[in-house]
Amino acid sequence: MKLLSIIVPCFNSENYVRRCLDSLTTGGDDVEIIVVDDGSDDGTGEIAERYVSRFPGIVTVVHKENGGHGSCINVGLRLASGKYFKVVDSDDWLEEEAYRALLEQLKIWSNWESAEDMSPSPDLVICNYTYNHLDEGMKKEMNYRNVFPERQICTWDEIKSFRPSQYLIMHALVYRTDVLRKTGLVLPEHTFYVDNIFAYYPLPYVKTLYYMDIDLYQYYLGREDQSVNEKVLISRIEQQIRVTKIVAECVDLREVREQHPKLANYMCRNVSIMMAISSIHLLLSGEEDAKTRHREIWAEMKKENPGLYYRLRYTKLSGLTNLPGKLGKKAAVDGYRIAKKIYKFQ
């Protein structure tokens, strides 16, 4: 069995997929790299096939009709044979030294499990990630040193508090493949922002965690057509709202709270962040219809899940995006602008 399956969703990625695959293939025979070509009409598929020829038994390619990011992850999860599972987007890459450290740790756990007296490997490995604004020559590392004990297998009951800028995004996560399959995770097709579901829905199934303070995932920011680009996000706001609703409804946080209060608090906060993103980008559009839609999404939340609504409205960050009047809306937008400048996200 391979130590790690890496899924690389690709759509018209010819300008940057080489950088991605060059970094991933340094993992050698311990890694299975599944490139999912999502109906590209440029040279992406041909480039990927050349890596299959250069790295037989390591790189495989699946060519499929366009179905979106979630569709690619679904395919990868069905095919993955590695003990652990990670998604690396085709415009991103892994830092070589950190990648090597991760594989060394996975190998240690693999050896553990061949000994009857050793505990099983953790359900989730968490690593740092870096925002790379290559066009501006800027980087911003995001870590979890204040949240998780370093290089210790722990549970949700042992974690500390997240800062406002910290949350578990897909790029930080390496799940055990069998845990992901146990969840029955199937991501929506033809939908953007499904990485939020991937980083949220499986968490109650995770019983043990392990944090490595290594800057593994290198996240490229700056493309004009990138889904997190502000203008693009505003144009796709209904998809962001749809994913936010799925996240808010897919887990009963009351049940989670009974078992793991700290995890429930984090997950509630995560929904709050997503509601804040949806609200802010509706306000940023400046259109009257968007302002109406902003009121509607909060009204829908209040009707469908009043308990969660009151927590988000009055105790979480998202409530600040729903302040009354023009001054309230201006304060929300100004706060977003300040946070964007500080934390260097797109």
Protein backbone atom coordinates (compact mmCIF):
# COMPACT_ATOMS: atom_id res chain seq x y z
CA MET A 1 0.00 0.00 0.00
CA LYS A 2 1.23 3.51 -0.82
CA LEU A 3 1.69 5.85 2.11
CA LEU A 4 -0.10 8.77 0.47
CA SER A 5 -2.54 9.34 -2.37
CA ILE A 6 -2.42 12.86 -3.79
CA ILE A 7 -5.27 13.98 -6.00
CA VAL A 8 -4.55 16.79 -8.47
CA PRO A 9 -7.74 18.28 -9.96
CA CYS A 10 -6.86 19.95 -13.28
CA PHE A 11 -8.74 22.16 -15.68
CA ASN A 12 -6.79 24.08 -18.33
CA SER A 13 -3.72 24.04 -16.13
CA GLU A 14 -0.98 23.90 -18.77
CA ASN A 15 0.75 27.04 -17.50
CA TYR A 16 1.43 25.75 -13.98
CA VAL A 17 0.73 22.00 -13.66
CA ARG A 18 4.40 21.16 -14.30
CA ARG A 19 5.46 23.04 -11.17
CA CYS A 20 2.85 21.13 -9.18
CA LEU A 21 3.81 17.69 -10.50
CA ASP A 22 7.54 18.39 -10.27
CA SER A 23 7.09 18.97 -6.55
CA LEU A 24 4.84 15.95 -5.97
CA THR A 25 6.97 13.40 -7.81
CA THR A 26 9.86 14.05 -5.40
CA GLY A 27 7.89 11.78 -3.04
CA GLY A 28 8.99 8.76 -5.07
CA ASP A 29 7.44 5.32 -4.72
CA ASP A 30 5.78 6.08 -1.38
CA VAL A 31 3.27 8.29 -3.17
CA GLU A 32 0.43 7.74 -5.61
CA ILE A 33 -0.36 10.85 -7.68
CA ILE A 34 -3.76 10.79 -9.41
CA VAL A 35 -4.15 13.63 -11.90
CA VAL A 36 -7.81 14.17 -12.74
CA ASP A 37 -8.08 16.06 -16.03
CA ASP A 38 -11.50 17.67 -15.79
CA GLY A 39 -12.27 18.13 -19.48
CA SER A 40 -9.36 20.47 -20.24
CA ASP A 41 -9.20 21.83 -23.79
CA ASP A 42 -5.59 23.02 -23.59
CA GLY A 43 -2.39 20.98 -23.18
CA THR A 44 -3.03 19.86 -19.59
CA GLY A 45 -3.88 16.27 -20.47
CA GLU A 46 -0.84 15.81 -22.70
CA ILE A 47 1.48 17.26 -20.06
CA ALA A 48 0.06 14.91 -17.43
CA GLU A 49 0.50 11.90 -19.72
CA ARG A 50 4.18 12.73 -20.09
CA TYR A 51 4.53 12.47 -16.31
CA VAL A 52 2.88 9.04 -16.44
CA SER A 53 5.60 7.97 -18.87
CA ARG A 54 8.37 9.45 -16.72
CA PHE A 55 7.00 8.13 -13.40
CA PRO A 56 5.27 4.79 -14.05
CA GLY A 57 3.63 3.36 -10.95
CA ILE A 58 3.60 6.79 -9.33
CA VAL A 59 1.57 9.08 -11.61
CA THR A 60 -1.73 8.10 -13.20
CA VAL A 61 -4.14 10.27 -15.18
CA VAL A 62 -7.91 10.14 -15.41
CA HIS A 63 -9.49 12.05 -18.30
CA LYS A 64 -13.13 12.91 -17.74
CA GLU A 65 -15.87 15.30 -18.80
CA ASN A 66 -15.94 18.57 -16.94
CA GLY A 67 -17.64 18.22 -13.58
CA GLY A 68 -15.83 20.71 -11.38
CA HIS A 69 -13.45 20.51 -8.44
CA GLY A 70 -15.74 18.35 -6.31
CA SER A 71 -16.18 15.85 -9.13
CA CYS A 72 -12.38 15.46 -9.39
CA ILE A 73 -12.05 14.80 -5.65
CA ASN A 74 -14.89 12.26 -5.80
CA VAL A 75 -13.08 10.38 -8.56
CA GLY A 76 -9.80 10.52 -6.67
CA LEU A 77 -11.36 9.19 -3.48
CA ARG A 78 -12.85 6.25 -5.35
CA LEU A 79 -9.50 5.36 -6.90
CA ALA A 80 -7.11 6.14 -4.04
CA SER A 81 -5.10 3.22 -2.69
CA GLY A 82 -2.87 5.15 -0.27
CA LYS A 83 -3.26 5.04 3.50
CA TYR A 84 -3.58 8.84 3.60
CA PHE A 85 -5.31 11.20 1.20
CA LYS A 86 -4.45 14.76 0.18
CA VAL A 87 -5.72 17.16 -2.48
CA VAL A 88 -3.23 19.49 -4.18
CA ASP A 89 -4.66 21.95 -6.69
CA SER A 90 -2.81 22.12 -9.98
CA ASP A 91 -1.58 25.70 -9.52
CA ASP A 92 -0.16 24.93 -6.07
CA TRP A 93 2.76 22.78 -4.88
CA LEU A 94 4.36 21.16 -1.83
CA GLU A 95 7.59 22.38 -0.25
CA GLU A 96 10.15 19.60 -0.74
CA GLU A 97 11.72 19.44 2.73
CA ALA A 98 8.35 19.55 4.49
CA TYR A 99 6.97 16.96 2.06
CA ARG A 100 9.86 14.65 2.90
CA ALA A 101 9.22 15.13 6.64
CA LEU A 102 5.55 14.24 6.19
CA LEU A 103 6.38 11.05 4.29
CA GLU A 104 8.94 10.06 6.91
CA GLN A 105 6.29 10.39 9.61
CA LEU A 106 3.75 8.41 7.60
CA LYS A 107 6.37 5.68 7.19
CA ILE A 108 6.94 5.57 10.96
CA TRP A 109 3.22 5.03 11.52
CA SER A 110 3.12 2.38 8.84
CA ASN A 111 5.86 0.52 10.70
CA TRP A 112 4.01 1.03 13.98
CA GLU A 113 0.94 -0.72 12.74
CA SER A 114 2.94 -3.80 11.85
CA ALA A 115 3.69 -4.15 15.59
CA GLU A 116 0.80 -5.41 17.70
CA ASP A 117 1.65 -3.28 20.73
CA MET A 118 1.52 0.08 18.96
CA SER A 119 -1.42 2.48 18.60
CA PRO A 120 -2.90 3.14 15.15
CA SER A 121 -1.88 6.18 13.16
CA PRO A 122 -3.98 9.36 13.56
CA ASP A 123 -7.13 10.04 11.54
CA LEU A 124 -6.00 13.51 10.50
CA VAL A 125 -2.60 15.15 10.02
CA ILE A 126 -2.52 18.96 10.05
CA CYS A 127 0.34 20.99 8.55
CA ASN A 128 0.97 24.68 7.90
CA TYR A 129 0.32 26.32 4.56
CA THR A 130 1.70 29.42 2.87
CA TYR A 131 -0.04 32.06 0.79
CA ASN A 132 2.28 32.88 -2.12
CA HIS A 133 1.67 36.18 -3.90
CA LEU A 134 4.33 35.43 -6.50
CA ASP A 135 3.57 38.47 -8.64
CA GLU A 136 4.17 40.73 -5.63
CA GLY A 137 7.04 38.70 -4.15
CA MET A 138 5.11 38.26 -0.89
CA LYS A 139 4.44 35.25 1.35
CA LYS A 140 2.26 34.70 4.39
CA GLU A 141 2.64 31.55 6.48
CA MET A 142 -0.40 30.22 8.33
CA ASN A 143 0.32 27.89 11.24
CA TYR A 144 -1.48 26.25 14.19
CA ARG A 145 1.21 26.34 16.88
CA ASN A 146 -1.18 27.86 19.41
CA VAL A 147 -3.94 25.31 18.75
CA PHE A 148 -2.43 21.82 18.63
CA PRO A 149 0.41 20.15 20.55
CA GLU A 150 3.26 19.61 18.13
CA ARG A 151 4.01 16.06 16.97
CA GLN A 152 1.71 14.44 19.50
CA ILE A 153 -1.32 12.34 18.72
CA CYS A 154 -4.20 14.10 20.46
CA THR A 155 -7.99 14.38 20.47
CA TRP A 156 -10.37 17.29 19.96
CA ASP A 157 -10.66 17.60 23.74
CA GLU A 158 -6.98 18.59 23.98
CA ILE A 159 -6.94 21.43 21.45
CA LYS A 160 -6.74 25.13 22.34
CA SER A 161 -8.52 28.12 20.84
CA PHE A 162 -8.18 29.25 17.23
CA ARG A 163 -7.29 32.85 16.48
CA PRO A 164 -9.63 34.88 14.22
CA SER A 165 -7.28 34.30 11.26
CA GLN A 166 -7.06 30.53 11.79
CA TYR A 167 -9.28 27.82 10.44
CA LEU A 168 -8.72 24.39 8.96
CA ILE A 169 -8.72 24.73 5.20
CA MET A 170 -8.33 21.85 2.76
CA HIS A 171 -4.69 22.74 2.09
CA ALA A 172 -3.72 22.07 5.71
CA LEU A 173 -5.31 18.63 5.93
CA VAL A 174 -4.15 15.07 5.27
CA TYR A 175 -6.94 12.61 6.11
CA ARG A 176 -6.68 8.88 6.56
CA THR A 177 -8.33 7.52 3.44
CA ASP A 178 -10.46 5.00 5.33
CA VAL A 179 -11.82 7.78 7.57
CA LEU A 180 -12.85 9.85 4.55
CA ARG A 181 -14.59 6.83 3.02
CA LYS A 182 -16.37 6.11 6.28
CA THR A 183 -17.98 9.56 6.13
CA GLY A 184 -19.61 8.78 2.79
CA LEU A 185 -18.31 12.11 1.50
CA VAL A 186 -19.56 12.99 -1.99
CA LEU A 187 -18.95 16.58 -3.06
CA PRO A 188 -21.37 18.48 -5.33
CA GLU A 189 -20.41 18.71 -8.99
CA HIS A 190 -20.25 21.90 -11.09
CA THR A 191 -19.88 23.88 -7.88
CA PHE A 192 -17.09 26.13 -6.69
CA TYR A 193 -15.86 26.37 -3.08
CA VAL A 194 -16.53 22.70 -2.24
CA ASP A 195 -13.16 22.59 -0.46
CA ASN A 196 -15.09 24.11 2.46
CA ILE A 197 -17.20 20.95 2.69
CA PHE A 198 -14.10 18.75 2.43
CA ALA A 199 -12.53 20.61 5.36
CA TYR A 200 -15.68 20.54 7.52
CA TYR A 201 -17.99 17.56 7.07
CA PRO A 202 -15.47 14.80 7.97
CA LEU A 203 -14.28 16.41 11.23
CA PRO A 204 -16.71 14.62 13.62
CA TYR A 205 -15.45 11.30 12.21
CA VAL A 206 -11.89 12.24 13.16
CA LYS A 207 -11.00 10.85 16.58
CA THR A 208 -7.24 11.50 16.67
CA LEU A 209 -5.12 14.32 15.25
CA TYR A 210 -1.44 15.06 14.73
CA TYR A 211 0.05 18.48 14.04
CA MET A 212 3.34 18.96 12.18
CA ASP A 213 4.76 22.47 12.32
CA ILE A 214 6.02 22.37 8.73
CA ASP A 215 5.17 24.73 5.87
CA LEU A 216 3.97 21.98 3.55
CA TYR A 217 1.33 23.41 1.21
CA GLN A 218 2.28 26.31 -1.03
CA TYR A 219 -0.88 28.10 -2.10
CA TYR A 220 -0.55 30.35 -5.16
CA LEU A 221 -2.60 33.54 -5.16
CA GLY A 222 -2.87 36.16 -7.85
CA ARG A 223 -4.51 34.62 -10.92
CA GLU A 224 -7.21 36.84 -12.40
CA ASP A 225 -9.61 33.88 -12.81
CA GLN A 226 -8.95 32.36 -9.39
CA SER A 227 -12.10 31.39 -7.51
CA VAL A 228 -11.02 33.34 -4.41
CA ASN A 229 -10.33 36.51 -6.40
CA GLU A 230 -12.69 39.13 -5.01
CA LYS A 231 -14.31 40.02 -8.34
CA VAL A 232 -14.72 36.35 -9.24
CA LEU A 233 -16.17 35.53 -5.83
CA ILE A 234 -18.73 38.32 -6.16
CA SER A 235 -19.76 37.01 -9.58
CA ARG A 236 -20.16 33.48 -8.12
CA ILE A 237 -21.75 34.52 -4.86
CA GLU A 238 -24.74 32.20 -5.26
CA GLN A 239 -22.38 29.23 -5.36
CA GLN A 240 -20.67 30.47 -2.20
CA ILE A 241 -24.09 30.81 -0.56
CA ARG A 242 -25.05 27.31 -1.68
CA VAL A 243 -21.91 25.77 -0.17
CA THR A 244 -22.42 27.78 3.03
CA LYS A 245 -25.93 26.34 3.36
CA ILE A 246 -24.63 22.80 2.77
CA VAL A 247 -21.98 23.26 5.46
CA ALA A 248 -24.49 24.75 7.91
CA GLU A 249 -26.90 21.85 7.42
CA CYS A 250 -24.68 18.79 6.93
CA VAL A 251 -23.70 18.27 10.58
CA ASP A 252 -25.87 18.46 13.71
CA LEU A 253 -23.68 20.55 15.96
CA ARG A 254 -25.80 19.69 18.99
CA GLU A 255 -24.74 16.06 18.65
CA VAL A 256 -21.11 17.05 18.16
CA ARG A 257 -21.25 19.26 21.26
CA GLU A 258 -22.33 16.33 23.41
CA GLN A 259 -19.14 14.45 22.54
CA HIS A 260 -16.60 17.16 21.76
CA PRO A 261 -17.54 20.70 22.85
CA LYS A 262 -14.29 22.22 21.53
CA LEU A 263 -14.85 20.72 18.09
CA ALA A 264 -18.45 21.96 18.07
CA ASN A 265 -17.26 25.47 18.96
CA TYR A 266 -14.75 25.40 16.12
CA MET A 267 -17.31 24.09 13.61
CA CYS A 268 -19.83 26.74 14.61
CA ARG A 269 -17.13 29.35 14.15
CA ASN A 270 -16.35 27.91 10.73
CA VAL A 271 -19.97 28.33 9.63
CA SER A 272 -19.77 31.86 10.99
CA ILE A 273 -16.74 32.63 8.80
CA MET A 274 -18.51 31.28 5.74
CA MET A 275 -21.61 33.33 6.48
CA ALA A 276 -19.39 36.38 6.92
CA ILE A 277 -17.71 35.76 3.54
CA SER A 278 -21.07 35.41 1.80
CA SER A 279 -22.45 38.50 3.52
CA ILE A 280 -19.39 40.66 2.87
CA HIS A 281 -19.25 39.85 -0.82
CA LEU A 282 -22.94 40.56 -1.23
CA LEU A 283 -22.34 43.94 0.38
CA LEU A 284 -19.24 44.55 -1.77
CA SER A 285 -21.25 44.15 -4.97
CA GLY A 286 -23.13 47.34 -4.06
CA GLU A 287 -26.22 46.30 -6.02
CA GLU A 288 -29.69 46.60 -4.53
CA ASP A 289 -30.52 42.98 -5.37
CA ALA A 290 -27.43 41.86 -3.47
CA LYS A 291 -28.51 43.82 -0.39
CA THR A 292 -31.89 42.10 -0.58
CA ARG A 293 -30.16 38.72 -0.95
CA HIS A 294 -28.05 39.53 2.11
CA ARG A 295 -31.20 39.98 4.19
CA GLU A 296 -32.68 36.81 2.70
CA ILE A 297 -29.82 34.47 3.61
CA TRP A 298 -29.99 35.55 7.23
CA ALA A 299 -33.79 35.18 7.25
CA GLU A 300 -33.46 31.69 5.75
CA MET A 301 -30.94 30.71 8.42
CA LYS A 302 -33.27 32.02 11.15
CA LYS A 303 -36.17 29.98 9.79
CA GLU A 304 -34.32 26.73 9.11
CA ASN A 305 -31.97 26.63 12.09
CA PRO A 306 -32.91 29.22 14.71
CA GLY A 307 -30.43 27.92 17.30
CA LEU A 308 -27.50 28.27 14.92
CA TYR A 309 -28.86 31.60 13.67
CA TYR A 310 -28.81 33.17 17.13
CA ARG A 311 -25.30 31.87 17.81
CA LEU A 312 -24.03 33.29 14.52
CA ARG A 313 -25.98 36.52 14.75
CA TYR A 314 -25.11 37.48 18.30
CA THR A 315 -21.97 35.62 19.41
CA LYS A 316 -19.83 35.13 16.31
CA LEU A 317 -17.88 37.17 13.75
CA SER A 318 -20.60 36.75 11.13
CA GLY A 319 -22.95 38.84 13.24
CA LEU A 320 -20.77 41.87 12.53
CA THR A 321 -21.68 41.56 8.84
CA ASN A 322 -25.35 41.95 9.69
CA LEU A 323 -25.27 45.20 11.62
CA PRO A 324 -28.24 47.50 10.97
CA GLY A 325 -28.17 50.55 8.73
CA LYS A 326 -25.69 51.96 6.25
CA LEU A 327 -23.08 52.57 8.92
CA GLY A 328 -23.29 48.95 9.98
CA LYS A 329 -22.74 47.75 6.43
CA LYS A 330 -19.86 50.20 5.95
CA ALA A 331 -18.22 48.99 9.17
CA ALA A 332 -18.45 45.39 7.97
CA VAL A 333 -16.83 46.18 4.62
CA ASP A 334 -14.12 48.33 6.21
CA GLY A 335 -13.32 45.55 8.68
CA TYR A 336 -12.97 43.09 5.81
CA ARG A 337 -10.60 45.43 3.97
CA ILE A 338 -8.40 45.77 7.06
CA ALA A 339 -8.31 42.00 7.62
CA LYS A 340 -7.44 41.42 3.97
CA LYS A 341 -4.51 43.80 4.23
CA ILE A 342 -3.23 42.23 7.46
CA TYR A 343 -3.57 38.59 6.55
CA LYS A 344 -2.71 38.89 2.84
CA PHE A 345 -5.50 36.64 1.56
CA GLN A 346 -6.82 37.18 -1.97
